[in-house]
N, C-alpha and C. Protein backbone atom coordinates (compact mmCIF):
# COMPACT_ATOMS: atom_id res chain seq x y z
N UNK A 1 0.85 -1.16 -0.08
CA UNK A 1 0.00 -0.04 -0.03
C UNK A 1 0.87 1.27 0.00
N UNK A 2 0.60 2.18 -0.86
CA UNK A 2 1.29 3.50 -0.99
C UNK A 2 0.43 4.60 -0.54
N UNK A 3 1.10 5.44 0.43
CA UNK A 3 0.52 6.69 0.98
C UNK A 3 1.17 7.84 0.41
N UNK A 4 0.42 8.94 0.11
CA UNK A 4 1.10 10.15 -0.32
C UNK A 4 0.61 11.22 0.64
N UNK A 5 1.61 12.11 1.04
CA UNK A 5 1.41 13.19 1.89
C UNK A 5 1.68 14.42 1.19
N UNK A 6 0.81 15.30 1.23
CA UNK A 6 0.95 16.68 0.62
C UNK A 6 0.69 17.77 1.70
N UNK A 7 1.63 18.69 1.77
CA UNK A 7 1.55 19.76 2.75
C UNK A 7 0.95 20.93 2.05
N UNK A 8 -0.27 21.30 2.28
CA UNK A 8 -0.89 22.36 1.51
C UNK A 8 -0.63 23.78 2.14
N UNK A 9 -0.12 23.86 3.39
CA UNK A 9 0.07 25.01 4.05
C UNK A 9 1.45 25.69 3.89
N UNK A 10 2.45 24.76 3.80
CA UNK A 10 3.82 25.26 3.78
C UNK A 10 4.12 26.00 2.59
N UNK A 11 4.62 27.26 2.59
CA UNK A 11 4.89 28.05 1.50
C UNK A 11 3.77 28.67 0.76
N UNK A 12 2.54 28.62 1.46
CA UNK A 12 1.39 29.11 0.81
C UNK A 12 1.45 30.62 0.54
N UNK A 13 1.08 31.12 -0.57
CA UNK A 13 1.08 32.47 -0.98
C UNK A 13 -0.36 33.05 -0.70
N UNK A 14 -0.28 34.13 0.25
CA UNK A 14 -1.48 34.70 0.62
C UNK A 14 -1.71 36.04 -0.35
N UNK A 15 -2.75 36.06 -1.12
CA UNK A 15 -2.91 37.14 -2.04
C UNK A 15 -3.74 38.18 -1.56
N UNK A 16 -4.42 37.95 -0.40
CA UNK A 16 -5.34 38.91 0.17
C UNK A 16 -4.71 40.06 0.86
N UNK A 17 -5.16 41.33 0.54
CA UNK A 17 -4.56 42.59 1.27
C UNK A 17 -5.30 42.65 2.57
N UNK A 18 -6.57 42.27 2.62
CA UNK A 18 -7.43 42.33 3.80
C UNK A 18 -8.02 41.00 4.06
N UNK A 19 -7.30 40.18 4.80
CA UNK A 19 -7.73 38.68 4.81
C UNK A 19 -9.10 38.36 5.44
N UNK A 20 -9.75 39.30 6.11
CA UNK A 20 -10.98 39.07 6.66
C UNK A 20 -12.17 39.61 5.92
N UNK A 21 -11.94 40.12 4.72
CA UNK A 21 -12.86 40.73 3.91
C UNK A 21 -12.90 40.20 2.49
N UNK A 22 -13.53 39.18 2.22
CA UNK A 22 -13.60 38.56 0.77
C UNK A 22 -14.63 37.57 0.82
N UNK A 23 -15.10 37.32 -0.54
CA UNK A 23 -16.04 36.39 -0.93
C UNK A 23 -15.33 35.43 -2.14
N UNK A 24 -15.45 34.20 -1.86
CA UNK A 24 -14.83 33.22 -2.78
C UNK A 24 -15.95 32.21 -3.18
N UNK A 25 -15.93 31.73 -4.48
CA UNK A 25 -16.86 30.72 -4.89
C UNK A 25 -15.98 29.55 -5.31
N UNK A 26 -16.68 28.40 -5.25
CA UNK A 26 -15.94 27.14 -5.62
C UNK A 26 -16.15 26.89 -7.08
N UNK A 27 -15.08 26.32 -7.67
CA UNK A 27 -15.15 25.89 -9.01
C UNK A 27 -14.32 24.69 -9.09
N UNK A 28 -14.49 23.94 -10.25
CA UNK A 28 -13.86 22.69 -10.49
C UNK A 28 -12.81 22.86 -11.58
N UNK A 29 -11.63 22.40 -11.41
CA UNK A 29 -10.56 22.59 -12.23
C UNK A 29 -10.00 21.26 -12.75
N UNK A 30 -9.99 21.12 -14.06
CA UNK A 30 -9.46 19.93 -14.71
C UNK A 30 -7.95 19.74 -14.77
N UNK A 31 -7.48 18.55 -14.92
CA UNK A 31 -6.03 18.50 -15.03
C UNK A 31 -5.46 19.00 -16.27
N UNK A 32 -6.18 19.19 -17.32
CA UNK A 32 -5.74 19.68 -18.55
C UNK A 32 -5.93 21.22 -18.78
N UNK A 33 -6.15 21.84 -17.65
CA UNK A 33 -6.40 23.39 -17.78
C UNK A 33 -5.22 24.08 -18.25
N UNK A 34 -5.41 25.10 -19.10
CA UNK A 34 -4.41 25.97 -19.69
C UNK A 34 -3.84 26.87 -18.53
N UNK A 35 -4.48 27.00 -17.32
CA UNK A 35 -4.07 27.84 -16.32
C UNK A 35 -2.82 27.27 -15.64
N UNK A 36 -2.48 25.89 -15.72
CA UNK A 36 -1.47 25.29 -14.96
C UNK A 36 -0.06 25.61 -15.62
N UNK A 37 0.82 25.68 -14.72
CA UNK A 37 2.24 25.75 -15.07
C UNK A 37 3.07 24.50 -14.56
N UNK A 38 4.10 24.06 -15.24
CA UNK A 38 4.75 23.00 -14.81
C UNK A 38 5.88 23.44 -13.94
N UNK A 39 5.89 22.98 -12.72
CA UNK A 39 6.83 23.36 -11.72
C UNK A 39 7.41 22.12 -10.98
N UNK A 40 8.62 21.80 -11.05
CA UNK A 40 9.36 20.60 -10.51
C UNK A 40 8.56 19.34 -11.03
N UNK A 41 8.10 19.41 -12.25
CA UNK A 41 7.43 18.13 -12.73
C UNK A 41 5.90 18.09 -12.43
N UNK A 42 5.39 19.01 -11.75
CA UNK A 42 3.98 19.01 -11.36
C UNK A 42 3.25 20.03 -11.97
N UNK A 43 1.91 19.91 -12.29
CA UNK A 43 1.04 20.93 -12.88
C UNK A 43 0.36 21.76 -11.74
N UNK A 44 0.86 23.02 -11.64
CA UNK A 44 0.43 23.91 -10.53
C UNK A 44 -0.30 25.00 -11.12
N UNK A 45 -1.43 25.33 -10.58
CA UNK A 45 -2.20 26.62 -10.87
C UNK A 45 -1.86 27.43 -9.72
N UNK A 46 -1.15 28.60 -10.05
CA UNK A 46 -0.67 29.44 -9.02
C UNK A 46 -1.79 30.44 -8.38
N UNK A 47 -1.67 30.77 -7.16
CA UNK A 47 -2.49 31.76 -6.50
C UNK A 47 -2.24 33.04 -7.26
N UNK A 48 -3.37 33.78 -7.47
CA UNK A 48 -3.29 35.15 -8.05
C UNK A 48 -3.42 35.09 -9.58
N UNK A 49 -3.79 33.85 -10.05
CA UNK A 49 -4.08 33.63 -11.41
C UNK A 49 -5.60 34.07 -11.70
N UNK A 50 -5.84 34.78 -12.76
CA UNK A 50 -7.12 35.21 -13.19
C UNK A 50 -7.89 34.02 -13.61
N UNK A 51 -9.23 34.03 -13.29
CA UNK A 51 -10.03 32.89 -13.63
C UNK A 51 -11.29 33.41 -14.30
N UNK A 52 -11.75 32.77 -15.41
CA UNK A 52 -11.24 31.66 -16.12
C UNK A 52 -10.09 31.84 -17.07
N UNK A 53 -9.81 33.11 -17.43
CA UNK A 53 -8.79 33.41 -18.28
C UNK A 53 -8.23 34.85 -17.88
N UNK A 54 -7.12 35.12 -18.35
CA UNK A 54 -6.35 36.39 -18.14
C UNK A 54 -6.83 37.43 -19.11
N UNK A 55 -8.12 37.68 -19.25
CA UNK A 55 -8.54 38.59 -20.27
C UNK A 55 -9.93 39.23 -19.76
N UNK A 56 -10.69 39.79 -20.71
CA UNK A 56 -11.97 40.50 -20.27
C UNK A 56 -12.99 39.43 -19.72
N UNK A 57 -12.79 38.22 -19.85
CA UNK A 57 -13.75 37.21 -19.39
C UNK A 57 -13.50 36.96 -17.95
N UNK A 58 -12.47 37.43 -17.26
CA UNK A 58 -12.10 37.24 -15.90
C UNK A 58 -13.25 37.59 -15.00
N UNK A 59 -13.55 36.60 -14.02
CA UNK A 59 -14.50 36.88 -12.99
C UNK A 59 -13.99 36.89 -11.61
N UNK A 60 -12.69 36.49 -11.44
CA UNK A 60 -12.09 36.51 -10.17
C UNK A 60 -10.64 36.03 -10.20
N UNK A 61 -10.13 35.88 -9.04
CA UNK A 61 -8.74 35.55 -8.88
C UNK A 61 -8.66 34.30 -8.04
N UNK A 62 -7.80 33.35 -8.57
CA UNK A 62 -7.59 32.03 -7.80
C UNK A 62 -6.91 32.31 -6.41
N UNK A 63 -7.48 31.84 -5.41
CA UNK A 63 -7.02 32.17 -3.93
C UNK A 63 -5.73 31.51 -3.55
N UNK A 64 -5.53 30.11 -3.91
CA UNK A 64 -4.37 29.46 -3.37
C UNK A 64 -3.71 28.75 -4.56
N UNK A 65 -2.55 28.16 -4.37
CA UNK A 65 -1.93 27.28 -5.22
C UNK A 65 -2.60 25.91 -5.24
N UNK A 66 -2.78 25.36 -6.53
CA UNK A 66 -3.53 24.15 -6.60
C UNK A 66 -2.71 23.18 -7.55
N UNK A 67 -2.50 21.97 -7.05
CA UNK A 67 -1.82 20.98 -7.74
C UNK A 67 -2.81 20.10 -8.55
N UNK A 68 -2.71 20.12 -9.85
CA UNK A 68 -3.78 19.39 -10.68
C UNK A 68 -3.09 18.21 -11.39
N UNK A 69 -1.88 17.90 -10.96
CA UNK A 69 -1.16 16.87 -11.58
C UNK A 69 -1.87 15.43 -11.58
N UNK A 70 -2.37 15.13 -10.37
CA UNK A 70 -2.94 13.79 -10.10
C UNK A 70 -4.51 13.75 -10.28
N UNK A 71 -5.07 14.93 -10.69
CA UNK A 71 -6.48 14.82 -10.99
C UNK A 71 -7.16 16.10 -10.82
N UNK A 72 -8.47 16.17 -11.07
CA UNK A 72 -9.18 17.37 -10.94
C UNK A 72 -9.32 17.76 -9.46
N UNK A 73 -9.45 19.08 -9.31
CA UNK A 73 -9.54 19.63 -7.87
C UNK A 73 -10.64 20.79 -7.89
N UNK A 74 -11.14 20.86 -6.70
CA UNK A 74 -12.10 22.04 -6.36
C UNK A 74 -11.16 23.20 -6.01
N UNK A 75 -11.39 24.50 -6.51
CA UNK A 75 -10.71 25.62 -6.17
C UNK A 75 -11.61 26.66 -5.61
N UNK A 76 -10.81 27.67 -4.85
CA UNK A 76 -11.63 28.84 -4.44
C UNK A 76 -11.22 30.03 -5.41
N UNK A 77 -12.20 30.79 -5.83
CA UNK A 77 -11.94 31.85 -6.72
C UNK A 77 -12.49 33.09 -5.98
N UNK A 78 -11.72 34.13 -5.65
CA UNK A 78 -12.21 35.22 -5.12
C UNK A 78 -12.98 36.13 -6.05
N UNK A 79 -14.22 36.46 -5.64
CA UNK A 79 -15.04 37.33 -6.60
C UNK A 79 -15.35 38.63 -5.95
N UNK A 80 -14.90 38.94 -4.65
CA UNK A 80 -15.10 40.15 -3.99
C UNK A 80 -14.03 40.28 -2.94
N UNK A 81 -13.46 41.40 -2.79
CA UNK A 81 -12.55 41.60 -1.74
C UNK A 81 -11.39 42.58 -2.19
N UNK A 82 -10.30 42.36 -1.41
CA UNK A 82 -9.05 43.30 -1.71
C UNK A 82 -7.89 42.25 -1.82
N UNK A 83 -7.17 42.38 -3.04
CA UNK A 83 -5.97 41.54 -3.24
C UNK A 83 -4.72 42.36 -3.42
N UNK A 84 -3.54 41.83 -3.20
CA UNK A 84 -2.31 42.45 -3.36
C UNK A 84 -1.88 42.39 -4.79
N UNK A 85 -1.59 43.62 -5.46
CA UNK A 85 -1.10 43.55 -6.79
C UNK A 85 0.23 42.77 -7.01
N UNK A 86 1.12 42.86 -6.04
CA UNK A 86 2.45 42.15 -6.07
C UNK A 86 2.25 40.74 -5.91
N UNK A 87 1.07 40.15 -5.65
CA UNK A 87 0.87 38.69 -5.53
C UNK A 87 0.00 38.13 -6.79
N UNK A 88 -0.33 38.96 -7.68
CA UNK A 88 -1.13 38.46 -8.80
C UNK A 88 -0.26 37.93 -9.86
N UNK A 89 -0.65 37.02 -10.67
CA UNK A 89 0.14 36.20 -11.63
C UNK A 89 0.03 36.96 -13.02
N UNK A 90 0.76 38.05 -13.29
CA UNK A 90 0.81 38.91 -14.51
C UNK A 90 -0.50 39.20 -15.02
N UNK A 91 -1.33 39.92 -14.39
CA UNK A 91 -2.75 40.20 -14.91
C UNK A 91 -2.62 41.20 -16.11
N UNK A 92 -3.56 40.92 -17.00
CA UNK A 92 -3.67 41.97 -18.11
C UNK A 92 -4.57 43.09 -17.74
N UNK A 93 -4.53 44.24 -18.30
CA UNK A 93 -5.33 45.29 -18.07
C UNK A 93 -6.75 44.98 -18.21
N UNK A 94 -7.12 44.20 -19.28
CA UNK A 94 -8.46 43.74 -19.58
C UNK A 94 -8.94 42.91 -18.33
N UNK A 95 -8.12 42.02 -17.78
CA UNK A 95 -8.55 41.21 -16.64
C UNK A 95 -8.76 42.02 -15.50
N UNK A 96 -7.88 42.99 -15.16
CA UNK A 96 -8.04 43.94 -14.07
C UNK A 96 -9.24 44.68 -14.20
N UNK A 97 -9.59 45.17 -15.30
CA UNK A 97 -10.84 45.99 -15.52
C UNK A 97 -12.09 45.13 -15.38
N UNK A 98 -12.01 43.93 -15.86
CA UNK A 98 -13.08 42.93 -15.68
C UNK A 98 -13.40 42.59 -14.20
N UNK A 99 -12.40 42.37 -13.42
CA UNK A 99 -12.69 42.07 -12.00
C UNK A 99 -12.78 43.27 -11.10
N UNK A 100 -12.61 44.37 -11.67
CA UNK A 100 -12.50 45.73 -10.90
C UNK A 100 -13.90 46.07 -10.38
N UNK A 101 -14.97 45.48 -10.72
CA UNK A 101 -16.37 45.78 -10.22
C UNK A 101 -16.45 45.27 -8.83
N UNK A 102 -15.78 44.20 -8.36
CA UNK A 102 -15.96 43.66 -7.12
C UNK A 102 -14.65 43.42 -6.28
N UNK A 103 -13.57 43.47 -7.08
CA UNK A 103 -12.25 43.20 -6.42
C UNK A 103 -11.38 44.53 -6.44
N UNK A 104 -10.91 44.96 -5.40
CA UNK A 104 -9.96 46.06 -5.38
C UNK A 104 -8.61 45.39 -5.38
N UNK A 105 -7.74 45.88 -6.31
CA UNK A 105 -6.32 45.39 -6.32
C UNK A 105 -5.50 46.52 -5.75
N UNK A 106 -4.78 46.29 -4.66
CA UNK A 106 -4.03 47.30 -3.85
C UNK A 106 -2.58 46.99 -4.09
N UNK A 107 -1.82 48.10 -4.20
CA UNK A 107 -0.40 48.13 -4.24
C UNK A 107 0.11 48.18 -2.77
N UNK A 108 0.51 47.02 -2.29
CA UNK A 108 0.92 46.88 -0.93
C UNK A 108 2.39 47.21 -0.73
N UNK A 109 3.02 47.70 -1.59
CA UNK A 109 4.57 47.86 -1.60
C UNK A 109 4.86 49.18 -0.79
N UNK A 110 3.99 50.08 -0.72
CA UNK A 110 4.30 51.32 0.03
C UNK A 110 3.70 51.30 1.44
N UNK A 111 3.82 52.40 2.15
CA UNK A 111 3.39 52.29 3.59
C UNK A 111 1.79 52.34 3.66
N UNK A 112 1.17 52.85 2.52
CA UNK A 112 -0.34 52.87 2.56
C UNK A 112 -0.72 52.21 1.22
N UNK A 113 -1.60 51.25 1.36
CA UNK A 113 -2.08 50.60 0.12
C UNK A 113 -2.94 51.52 -0.75
N UNK A 114 -2.57 51.56 -1.97
CA UNK A 114 -3.19 52.40 -2.95
C UNK A 114 -3.96 51.60 -3.98
N UNK A 115 -5.20 51.90 -4.34
CA UNK A 115 -5.85 51.09 -5.35
C UNK A 115 -5.23 51.23 -6.72
N UNK A 116 -5.20 50.15 -7.38
CA UNK A 116 -4.72 50.01 -8.74
C UNK A 116 -5.88 50.15 -9.70
N UNK A 117 -5.81 51.21 -10.57
CA UNK A 117 -6.90 51.40 -11.61
C UNK A 117 -6.40 51.22 -13.02
N UNK A 118 -6.81 50.21 -13.59
CA UNK A 118 -6.20 50.04 -14.99
C UNK A 118 -6.70 51.06 -15.92
């Protein structure tokens, strides 16, 4: 019998600027998703990736890193709240504009978080 252990907390990237104010919805992500990157031989969908695509169709931001190598997974997509610009995965201006109705993207690099308006 073989057992596999995955530590989901270690090294987790937090993309939220205000962690107690957000709304996330569940979505199902297949192993063949175009959102995945190959990292150390694993297919990983990184936190901060626009969902379902990095364009004007974006409805939210993927909340955590997800490993889809071994099969389909359920994911959390932030659809309302405050996220850190420096933790997003190279968003396009079209995607930022699309999510801007409900998600504020804050530049957390300075002493005061400033909203990012595309």
